[in-house]
């Protein structure tokens, strides 16, 4: 994992990008710039620029956030069980096991990207529900700056 310079990142990122990627925040649904965006290209981590998703796997899930049914490579993300939604309430968790979410973070810099659910389209059935604030877009054919 790459350690990012937090001071440099705070200056470079917008307050929303910082809140989402570093404080595990969530942008309001239907507000992100990539929610209804369908140009061909690659989506990268807004913090470290690691390539994460292809526009070929993006689809309109209607959830209010960009949705992808696959990542470019499983090694580019890290999946972690997230029980923050239930606030540590064990009884609520037992009664509603679907409230356990799976957090998606960048494997290179550990930035929070969103969550993955098992209600996506075939064949993967995955819905990577990703905050627009956590990703950047590079058009197909555009040279990615390194």
Protein backbone atom coordinates (compact mmCIF):
# COMPACT_ATOMS: atom_id res chain seq x y z
CA UNK A 1 0.00 0.00 0.00
CA UNK A 2 1.25 3.47 -0.87
CA UNK A 3 1.31 5.99 1.95
CA UNK A 4 -0.15 9.25 0.73
CA UNK A 5 0.97 12.64 1.95
CA UNK A 6 -2.17 13.68 3.85
CA UNK A 7 -1.29 17.40 3.82
CA UNK A 8 -0.70 17.37 0.05
CA UNK A 9 -3.90 15.37 -0.51
CA UNK A 10 -5.98 17.74 1.65
CA UNK A 11 -4.79 20.71 -0.44
CA UNK A 12 -5.45 18.90 -3.74
CA UNK A 13 -8.83 17.31 -2.97
CA UNK A 14 -12.12 19.15 -2.58
CA UNK A 15 -13.73 19.02 0.85
CA UNK A 16 -16.22 16.42 -0.46
CA UNK A 17 -13.45 14.29 -2.01
CA UNK A 18 -11.55 14.41 1.29
CA UNK A 19 -14.67 13.56 3.34
CA UNK A 20 -15.53 10.57 1.12
CA UNK A 21 -12.05 9.11 0.61
CA UNK A 22 -10.43 9.82 3.99
CA UNK A 23 -13.38 9.94 6.40
CA UNK A 24 -15.44 7.16 4.74
CA UNK A 25 -18.19 9.61 3.84
CA UNK A 26 -20.89 9.28 1.18
CA UNK A 27 -21.99 11.90 -1.30
CA UNK A 28 -25.72 12.53 -1.58
CA UNK A 29 -27.38 10.23 -4.14
CA UNK A 30 -27.96 11.61 -7.65
CA UNK A 31 -25.50 14.49 -7.07
CA UNK A 32 -22.22 12.99 -8.31
CA UNK A 33 -20.78 14.09 -11.66
CA UNK A 34 -20.41 10.47 -12.86
CA UNK A 35 -23.89 9.20 -11.91
CA UNK A 36 -25.38 9.66 -15.42
CA UNK A 37 -22.06 9.77 -17.27
CA UNK A 38 -21.39 7.20 -20.00
CA UNK A 39 -18.32 8.23 -22.01
CA UNK A 40 -15.78 5.54 -22.90
CA UNK A 41 -12.69 5.45 -20.73
CA UNK A 42 -11.19 4.47 -17.40
CA UNK A 43 -12.02 5.52 -13.85
CA UNK A 44 -9.12 5.99 -11.43
CA UNK A 45 -8.76 6.63 -7.70
CA UNK A 46 -8.97 10.39 -7.13
CA UNK A 47 -6.26 10.17 -4.45
CA UNK A 48 -3.51 8.03 -6.06
CA UNK A 49 -4.69 7.71 -9.71
CA UNK A 50 -4.67 3.88 -9.70
CA UNK A 51 -6.89 2.54 -12.52
CA UNK A 52 -9.97 0.89 -11.01
CA UNK A 53 -12.94 0.59 -13.38
CA UNK A 54 -13.63 0.54 -17.11
CA UNK A 55 -16.58 2.36 -18.64
CA UNK A 56 -17.41 -1.01 -20.28
CA UNK A 57 -18.60 -2.32 -16.90
CA UNK A 58 -20.55 0.81 -15.86
CA UNK A 59 -24.33 0.64 -15.88
CA UNK A 60 -27.33 2.60 -14.63
CA UNK A 61 -28.45 0.83 -11.47
CA UNK A 62 -30.83 3.64 -10.50
CA UNK A 63 -29.23 3.82 -7.04
CA UNK A 64 -27.99 7.40 -7.44
CA UNK A 65 -24.27 6.62 -7.58
CA UNK A 66 -22.03 5.35 -10.38
CA UNK A 67 -22.35 1.55 -10.56
CA UNK A 68 -19.98 -0.98 -12.07
CA UNK A 69 -20.37 -4.75 -12.28
CA UNK A 70 -16.62 -5.47 -12.26
CA UNK A 71 -13.25 -3.95 -11.38
CA UNK A 72 -10.32 -3.87 -13.80
CA UNK A 73 -8.43 -6.23 -11.50
CA UNK A 74 -9.41 -7.62 -8.08
CA UNK A 75 -5.97 -6.66 -6.75
CA UNK A 76 -6.77 -2.98 -7.24
CA UNK A 77 -9.42 -2.91 -4.53
CA UNK A 78 -9.77 -4.16 -0.99
CA UNK A 79 -13.10 -5.43 0.34
CA UNK A 80 -13.91 -5.11 4.05
CA UNK A 81 -17.04 -5.94 6.03
CA UNK A 82 -18.71 -2.69 7.13
CA UNK A 83 -21.12 -2.75 10.08
CA UNK A 84 -21.11 1.04 10.61
CA UNK A 85 -24.62 1.19 9.12
CA UNK A 86 -26.03 -0.52 12.23
CA UNK A 87 -23.90 1.49 14.64
CA UNK A 88 -22.67 -1.57 16.53
CA UNK A 89 -26.23 -2.61 17.45
CA UNK A 90 -25.85 -6.39 17.55
CA UNK A 91 -29.61 -7.07 17.82
CA UNK A 92 -30.28 -4.88 14.77
CA UNK A 93 -27.53 -6.76 12.94
CA UNK A 94 -28.96 -10.18 13.84
CA UNK A 95 -32.46 -9.11 12.80
CA UNK A 96 -31.21 -7.50 9.57
CA UNK A 97 -28.14 -9.37 8.28
CA UNK A 98 -28.46 -7.51 4.97
CA UNK A 99 -27.40 -4.35 6.81
CA UNK A 100 -23.80 -5.60 6.78
CA UNK A 101 -22.24 -3.91 3.80
CA UNK A 102 -18.94 -4.58 2.07
CA UNK A 103 -16.75 -1.50 1.86
CA UNK A 104 -14.62 -0.98 -1.26
CA UNK A 105 -11.26 0.78 -0.80
CA UNK A 106 -8.35 1.43 -3.13
CA UNK A 107 -5.66 -1.22 -2.59
CA UNK A 108 -2.89 1.28 -3.32
CA UNK A 109 -3.76 4.18 -0.98
CA UNK A 110 -6.67 2.83 1.13
CA UNK A 111 -9.08 5.58 -0.02
CA UNK A 112 -12.75 4.80 0.61
CA UNK A 113 -14.54 4.38 -2.74
CA UNK A 114 -17.99 3.05 -1.84
CA UNK A 115 -19.60 -0.36 -1.28
CA UNK A 116 -20.30 -3.52 -3.28
CA UNK A 117 -23.62 -5.35 -3.26
CA UNK A 118 -24.75 -8.66 -4.76
CA UNK A 119 -27.76 -7.27 -6.63
CA UNK A 120 -26.10 -6.31 -9.92
CA UNK A 121 -26.64 -7.69 -13.42
CA UNK A 122 -25.50 -11.09 -14.66
CA UNK A 123 -22.98 -12.62 -14.94
CA UNK A 124 -21.20 -11.13 -11.89
CA UNK A 125 -24.30 -10.02 -9.94
CA UNK A 126 -22.03 -7.33 -8.47
CA UNK A 127 -22.96 -3.68 -8.03
CA UNK A 128 -19.91 -1.67 -7.12
CA UNK A 129 -21.67 1.46 -5.86
CA UNK A 130 -18.93 4.08 -6.06
CA UNK A 131 -18.93 7.75 -5.01
CA UNK A 132 -18.18 10.13 -7.90
CA UNK A 133 -16.08 12.12 -5.42
CA UNK A 134 -13.69 9.17 -5.02
CA UNK A 135 -12.88 8.68 -8.72
CA UNK A 136 -11.50 10.56 -11.73
CA UNK A 137 -12.30 9.82 -15.36
CA UNK A 138 -9.82 9.46 -18.23
CA UNK A 139 -11.33 9.35 -21.73
CA UNK A 140 -10.50 6.41 -23.97
CA UNK A 141 -7.37 7.23 -25.97
CA UNK A 142 -6.33 9.96 -23.53
CA UNK A 143 -2.87 9.50 -22.08
CA UNK A 144 -3.11 9.10 -18.33
CA UNK A 145 -0.66 11.38 -16.53
CA UNK A 146 1.63 9.46 -14.20
